[in-house]
Amino acid sequence: MAKPAKCISVADAKAIQKNWNDSRGADIESALGGPDTFEFTYNIDELREYLDYVEDQATKQGIANPGVRLYFAAYNDSKSHRATVFMCPSETDDKDSANIYTIDAFNQNGGGWPPKKYE
């Protein structure tokens, strides 16, 4: 299998993750009085299952080429106040496409603690 066209090098990934930690990550840590989660692990089979679900449900709704949008979020309950991310389907992969609110979002992921920097 060929490498996907939108892959970035490990060096580039390290550089942009360091930039996030040095800018936004530092501000978040300062505001919260400590670190927050900033990396999340997904099971590949569960990701495929969600993508297949989105594709199936979108097709049933007449949407031929859905995309998936990733959102930053934060819990606010008795278990956690940490950051998280969730995915939701969009009508296309265009950055300005509308979300599809008739298909559920995907959130069950795990963030390492303490978070693992990509360095």
N, C-alpha and C. Protein backbone atom coordinates (compact mmCIF):
# COMPACT_ATOMS: atom_id res chain seq x y z
N MET A 1 0.84 -1.18 0.00
CA MET A 1 0.00 0.00 0.00
C MET A 1 0.89 1.24 0.00
N ALA A 2 0.53 2.20 -0.81
CA ALA A 2 1.27 3.46 -0.88
C ALA A 2 0.94 4.34 0.31
N LYS A 3 1.91 5.16 0.71
CA LYS A 3 1.69 6.11 1.80
C LYS A 3 0.68 7.15 1.34
N PRO A 4 -0.31 7.48 2.17
CA PRO A 4 -1.29 8.51 1.81
C PRO A 4 -0.62 9.85 1.54
N ALA A 5 -1.17 10.59 0.61
CA ALA A 5 -0.60 11.87 0.17
C ALA A 5 -0.54 12.91 1.29
N LYS A 6 -1.43 12.83 2.25
CA LYS A 6 -1.49 13.87 3.29
C LYS A 6 -0.69 13.53 4.54
N CYS A 7 0.15 12.50 4.47
CA CYS A 7 1.04 12.20 5.60
C CYS A 7 2.06 13.31 5.75
N ILE A 8 2.48 13.55 7.00
CA ILE A 8 3.58 14.48 7.25
C ILE A 8 4.71 13.69 7.89
N SER A 9 5.91 14.22 7.79
CA SER A 9 7.07 13.53 8.37
C SER A 9 7.01 13.56 9.90
N VAL A 10 7.75 12.65 10.51
CA VAL A 10 7.85 12.64 11.97
C VAL A 10 8.43 13.97 12.45
N ALA A 11 9.42 14.49 11.74
CA ALA A 11 10.02 15.78 12.13
C ALA A 11 8.98 16.90 12.09
N ASP A 12 8.16 16.93 11.04
CA ASP A 12 7.12 17.96 10.95
C ASP A 12 6.09 17.79 12.07
N ALA A 13 5.73 16.54 12.35
CA ALA A 13 4.77 16.29 13.43
C ALA A 13 5.33 16.74 14.78
N LYS A 14 6.59 16.44 15.01
CA LYS A 14 7.24 16.88 16.25
C LYS A 14 7.24 18.40 16.35
N ALA A 15 7.53 19.07 15.25
CA ALA A 15 7.61 20.54 15.26
C ALA A 15 6.26 21.17 15.56
N ILE A 16 5.19 20.69 14.93
CA ILE A 16 3.90 21.33 15.17
C ILE A 16 3.33 20.96 16.54
N GLN A 17 3.67 19.78 17.05
CA GLN A 17 3.21 19.42 18.39
C GLN A 17 3.96 20.25 19.43
N LYS A 18 5.26 20.46 19.22
CA LYS A 18 6.04 21.31 20.12
C LYS A 18 5.49 22.74 20.10
N ASN A 19 5.14 23.22 18.92
CA ASN A 19 4.56 24.56 18.82
C ASN A 19 3.26 24.65 19.61
N TRP A 20 2.42 23.61 19.54
CA TRP A 20 1.17 23.60 20.31
C TRP A 20 1.49 23.63 21.81
N ASN A 21 2.42 22.77 22.25
CA ASN A 21 2.78 22.73 23.67
C ASN A 21 3.36 24.05 24.16
N ASP A 22 4.21 24.67 23.34
CA ASP A 22 4.87 25.90 23.75
C ASP A 22 3.94 27.11 23.72
N SER A 23 2.87 27.04 22.99
CA SER A 23 1.94 28.18 22.90
C SER A 23 0.64 27.84 23.62
N ARG A 24 -0.26 27.18 22.99
CA ARG A 24 -1.56 26.89 23.58
C ARG A 24 -1.48 26.00 24.81
N GLY A 25 -0.64 24.99 24.74
CA GLY A 25 -0.50 24.07 25.87
C GLY A 25 -0.05 24.79 27.13
N ALA A 26 0.90 25.69 26.97
CA ALA A 26 1.39 26.46 28.12
C ALA A 26 0.29 27.34 28.69
N ASP A 27 -0.50 27.96 27.82
CA ASP A 27 -1.60 28.82 28.28
C ASP A 27 -2.67 28.00 29.01
N ILE A 28 -2.99 26.85 28.47
CA ILE A 28 -3.99 25.98 29.11
C ILE A 28 -3.50 25.52 30.47
N GLU A 29 -2.25 25.08 30.54
CA GLU A 29 -1.69 24.64 31.82
C GLU A 29 -1.70 25.76 32.85
N SER A 30 -1.37 26.96 32.42
CA SER A 30 -1.39 28.12 33.31
C SER A 30 -2.80 28.41 33.80
N ALA A 31 -3.76 28.37 32.90
CA ALA A 31 -5.16 28.67 33.25
C ALA A 31 -5.76 27.61 34.18
N LEU A 32 -5.38 26.34 33.96
CA LEU A 32 -5.95 25.26 34.77
C LEU A 32 -5.15 24.98 36.04
N GLY A 33 -3.95 25.52 36.13
CA GLY A 33 -3.10 25.25 37.27
C GLY A 33 -2.41 23.90 37.17
N GLY A 34 -2.39 23.33 36.00
CA GLY A 34 -1.73 22.04 35.77
C GLY A 34 -2.02 21.58 34.36
N PRO A 35 -1.39 20.49 33.94
CA PRO A 35 -1.57 20.03 32.56
C PRO A 35 -2.97 19.46 32.31
N ASP A 36 -3.34 19.48 31.06
CA ASP A 36 -4.58 18.85 30.61
C ASP A 36 -4.21 17.80 29.57
N THR A 37 -5.13 16.93 29.29
CA THR A 37 -4.91 15.94 28.25
C THR A 37 -4.76 16.65 26.91
N PHE A 38 -3.80 16.18 26.10
CA PHE A 38 -3.65 16.76 24.76
C PHE A 38 -3.33 15.71 23.71
N GLU A 39 -3.44 14.44 24.06
CA GLU A 39 -3.27 13.37 23.09
C GLU A 39 -4.29 12.28 23.40
N PHE A 40 -4.78 11.65 22.33
CA PHE A 40 -5.88 10.70 22.48
C PHE A 40 -5.59 9.47 21.62
N THR A 41 -5.90 8.30 22.14
CA THR A 41 -5.66 7.06 21.42
C THR A 41 -6.98 6.41 21.05
N TYR A 42 -7.07 6.00 19.80
CA TYR A 42 -8.25 5.30 19.30
C TYR A 42 -7.86 3.91 18.84
N ASN A 43 -8.75 2.97 19.01
CA ASN A 43 -8.61 1.63 18.48
C ASN A 43 -8.92 1.68 16.99
N ILE A 44 -8.04 1.12 16.16
CA ILE A 44 -8.22 1.19 14.71
C ILE A 44 -9.52 0.53 14.27
N ASP A 45 -9.86 -0.61 14.84
CA ASP A 45 -11.10 -1.28 14.46
C ASP A 45 -12.32 -0.43 14.81
N GLU A 46 -12.28 0.26 15.95
CA GLU A 46 -13.41 1.13 16.32
C GLU A 46 -13.50 2.33 15.40
N LEU A 47 -12.36 2.86 14.98
CA LEU A 47 -12.38 3.96 14.01
C LEU A 47 -12.98 3.52 12.69
N ARG A 48 -12.56 2.35 12.20
CA ARG A 48 -13.13 1.81 10.95
C ARG A 48 -14.63 1.62 11.10
N GLU A 49 -15.04 1.08 12.24
CA GLU A 49 -16.46 0.84 12.49
C GLU A 49 -17.23 2.15 12.44
N TYR A 50 -16.69 3.21 13.05
CA TYR A 50 -17.37 4.50 13.02
C TYR A 50 -17.41 5.06 11.61
N LEU A 51 -16.30 5.01 10.91
CA LEU A 51 -16.27 5.52 9.53
C LEU A 51 -17.24 4.75 8.63
N ASP A 52 -17.31 3.42 8.81
CA ASP A 52 -18.27 2.62 8.05
C ASP A 52 -19.71 3.01 8.41
N TYR A 53 -19.96 3.25 9.70
CA TYR A 53 -21.28 3.69 10.16
C TYR A 53 -21.66 5.02 9.52
N VAL A 54 -20.73 5.98 9.52
CA VAL A 54 -21.00 7.29 8.91
C VAL A 54 -21.29 7.12 7.43
N GLU A 55 -20.47 6.35 6.75
CA GLU A 55 -20.67 6.15 5.32
C GLU A 55 -22.02 5.50 5.02
N ASP A 56 -22.37 4.48 5.80
CA ASP A 56 -23.65 3.79 5.62
C ASP A 56 -24.83 4.73 5.88
N GLN A 57 -24.81 5.43 7.00
CA GLN A 57 -25.92 6.32 7.34
C GLN A 57 -26.02 7.50 6.37
N ALA A 58 -24.88 8.04 5.95
CA ALA A 58 -24.88 9.14 4.99
C ALA A 58 -25.48 8.68 3.66
N THR A 59 -25.09 7.50 3.19
CA THR A 59 -25.62 6.96 1.94
C THR A 59 -27.13 6.82 2.04
N LYS A 60 -27.63 6.33 3.16
CA LYS A 60 -29.07 6.18 3.36
C LYS A 60 -29.78 7.52 3.32
N GLN A 61 -29.04 8.62 3.62
CA GLN A 61 -29.62 9.97 3.60
C GLN A 61 -29.31 10.70 2.30
N GLY A 62 -28.76 9.98 1.33
CA GLY A 62 -28.48 10.58 0.03
C GLY A 62 -27.23 11.45 0.01
N ILE A 63 -26.34 11.27 0.96
CA ILE A 63 -25.10 12.03 1.02
C ILE A 63 -23.99 11.13 0.48
N ALA A 64 -23.44 11.50 -0.67
CA ALA A 64 -22.54 10.61 -1.39
C ALA A 64 -21.10 10.61 -0.90
N ASN A 65 -20.60 11.72 -0.40
CA ASN A 65 -19.19 11.81 -0.05
C ASN A 65 -18.99 12.54 1.28
N PRO A 66 -19.41 11.90 2.39
CA PRO A 66 -19.30 12.59 3.68
C PRO A 66 -17.86 12.74 4.13
N GLY A 67 -17.64 13.68 5.01
CA GLY A 67 -16.35 13.85 5.66
C GLY A 67 -16.52 13.60 7.14
N VAL A 68 -15.45 13.75 7.87
CA VAL A 68 -15.48 13.64 9.33
C VAL A 68 -14.72 14.84 9.88
N ARG A 69 -15.38 15.55 10.78
CA ARG A 69 -14.79 16.74 11.41
C ARG A 69 -14.39 16.37 12.83
N LEU A 70 -13.25 16.89 13.28
CA LEU A 70 -12.74 16.65 14.62
C LEU A 70 -12.89 17.92 15.44
N TYR A 71 -13.50 17.80 16.62
CA TYR A 71 -13.71 18.94 17.51
C TYR A 71 -12.95 18.75 18.81
N PHE A 72 -12.35 19.83 19.32
CA PHE A 72 -11.84 19.84 20.68
C PHE A 72 -13.04 20.02 21.61
N ALA A 73 -12.99 19.41 22.78
CA ALA A 73 -14.08 19.51 23.74
C ALA A 73 -13.51 19.31 25.15
N ALA A 74 -14.37 19.42 26.14
CA ALA A 74 -13.94 19.19 27.52
C ALA A 74 -15.10 18.61 28.31
N TYR A 75 -14.79 17.64 29.12
CA TYR A 75 -15.80 17.07 30.01
C TYR A 75 -16.07 18.05 31.14
N ASN A 76 -17.23 17.92 31.73
CA ASN A 76 -17.58 18.72 32.89
C ASN A 76 -18.56 17.91 33.73
N ASP A 77 -18.03 16.83 34.29
CA ASP A 77 -18.88 15.97 35.11
C ASP A 77 -18.08 15.46 36.30
N SER A 78 -18.68 14.58 37.07
CA SER A 78 -18.05 14.10 38.30
C SER A 78 -16.80 13.26 38.03
N LYS A 79 -16.67 12.71 36.82
CA LYS A 79 -15.53 11.86 36.50
C LYS A 79 -14.33 12.65 35.99
N SER A 80 -14.57 13.73 35.26
CA SER A 80 -13.46 14.42 34.62
C SER A 80 -13.81 15.84 34.20
N HIS A 81 -12.80 16.67 34.20
CA HIS A 81 -12.89 18.02 33.65
C HIS A 81 -11.84 18.21 32.57
N ARG A 82 -11.25 17.10 32.13
CA ARG A 82 -10.17 17.15 31.15
C ARG A 82 -10.68 17.34 29.73
N ALA A 83 -9.74 17.70 28.88
CA ALA A 83 -10.03 17.87 27.46
C ALA A 83 -10.33 16.53 26.81
N THR A 84 -11.02 16.57 25.71
CA THR A 84 -11.27 15.41 24.88
C THR A 84 -11.43 15.89 23.44
N VAL A 85 -11.63 14.99 22.56
CA VAL A 85 -11.99 15.30 21.18
C VAL A 85 -13.14 14.40 20.80
N PHE A 86 -13.92 14.87 19.84
CA PHE A 86 -14.94 14.00 19.26
C PHE A 86 -15.00 14.23 17.77
N MET A 87 -15.47 13.22 17.07
CA MET A 87 -15.63 13.31 15.62
C MET A 87 -17.10 13.36 15.31
N CYS A 88 -17.42 14.11 14.27
CA CYS A 88 -18.79 14.10 13.78
C CYS A 88 -18.76 14.11 12.26
N PRO A 89 -19.78 13.56 11.65
CA PRO A 89 -19.82 13.55 10.20
C PRO A 89 -20.20 14.91 9.63
N SER A 90 -19.66 15.18 8.45
CA SER A 90 -20.01 16.40 7.72
C SER A 90 -20.47 15.99 6.33
N GLU A 91 -21.18 16.90 5.67
CA GLU A 91 -21.77 16.57 4.37
C GLU A 91 -20.74 16.27 3.28
N THR A 92 -19.55 16.88 3.38
CA THR A 92 -18.44 16.60 2.47
C THR A 92 -17.15 16.76 3.25
N ASP A 93 -16.03 16.61 2.57
CA ASP A 93 -14.76 16.84 3.25
C ASP A 93 -14.28 18.28 3.09
N ASP A 94 -15.12 19.15 2.55
CA ASP A 94 -14.80 20.57 2.44
C ASP A 94 -14.83 21.20 3.83
N LYS A 95 -13.86 22.07 4.12
CA LYS A 95 -13.77 22.68 5.46
C LYS A 95 -15.00 23.48 5.84
N ASP A 96 -15.78 23.93 4.88
CA ASP A 96 -16.98 24.73 5.17
C ASP A 96 -18.27 23.93 5.08
N SER A 97 -18.18 22.62 4.90
CA SER A 97 -19.40 21.83 4.77
C SER A 97 -20.16 21.76 6.09
N ALA A 98 -21.43 21.51 6.01
CA ALA A 98 -22.29 21.44 7.20
C ALA A 98 -22.10 20.11 7.92
N ASN A 99 -22.27 20.14 9.23
CA ASN A 99 -22.29 18.90 10.00
C ASN A 99 -23.56 18.14 9.69
N ILE A 100 -23.51 16.83 9.87
CA ILE A 100 -24.70 15.98 9.72
C ILE A 100 -25.16 15.62 11.13
N TYR A 101 -26.18 16.32 11.61
CA TYR A 101 -26.64 16.11 12.98
C TYR A 101 -27.59 14.94 13.13
N THR A 102 -27.90 14.27 12.04
CA THR A 102 -28.76 13.09 12.11
C THR A 102 -27.95 11.81 12.25
N ILE A 103 -26.63 11.95 12.36
CA ILE A 103 -25.74 10.82 12.59
C ILE A 103 -24.93 11.14 13.85
N ASP A 104 -24.90 10.21 14.79
CA ASP A 104 -24.23 10.45 16.06
C ASP A 104 -22.73 10.70 15.91
N ALA A 105 -22.20 11.48 16.84
CA ALA A 105 -20.76 11.76 16.91
C ALA A 105 -20.05 10.59 17.60
N PHE A 106 -18.73 10.61 17.59
CA PHE A 106 -17.90 9.54 18.15
C PHE A 106 -16.93 10.13 19.15
N ASN A 107 -16.91 9.60 20.39
CA ASN A 107 -16.09 10.22 21.43
C ASN A 107 -15.28 9.27 22.27
N GLN A 108 -15.59 8.03 22.35
CA GLN A 108 -14.92 7.18 23.33
C GLN A 108 -13.48 6.93 22.95
N ASN A 109 -12.58 7.70 23.56
CA ASN A 109 -11.15 7.57 23.32
C ASN A 109 -10.44 7.60 24.65
N GLY A 110 -9.16 7.40 24.62
CA GLY A 110 -8.39 7.46 25.84
C GLY A 110 -7.23 8.42 25.71
N GLY A 111 -7.07 9.25 26.70
CA GLY A 111 -5.93 10.16 26.74
C GLY A 111 -4.95 9.69 27.79
N GLY A 112 -3.69 9.65 27.44
CA GLY A 112 -2.68 9.20 28.39
C GLY A 112 -2.51 10.18 29.55
N TRP A 113 -2.13 9.64 30.70
CA TRP A 113 -1.88 10.54 31.83
C TRP A 113 -0.62 10.08 32.55
N PRO A 114 0.34 10.94 32.65
CA PRO A 114 0.31 12.27 32.06
C PRO A 114 0.37 12.17 30.54
N PRO A 115 -0.05 13.23 29.85
CA PRO A 115 -0.05 13.19 28.39
C PRO A 115 1.35 12.94 27.83
N LYS A 116 1.39 12.24 26.72
CA LYS A 116 2.67 11.90 26.08
C LYS A 116 2.98 12.90 24.98
N LYS A 117 4.03 13.66 25.14
CA LYS A 117 4.45 14.59 24.11
C LYS A 117 5.01 13.80 22.92
N TYR A 118 4.82 14.31 21.73
CA TYR A 118 5.33 13.71 20.52
C TYR A 118 6.69 14.33 20.25
N GLU A 119 7.71 13.82 20.98
CA GLU A 119 9.06 14.39 20.84
C GLU A 119 10.10 13.33 20.67
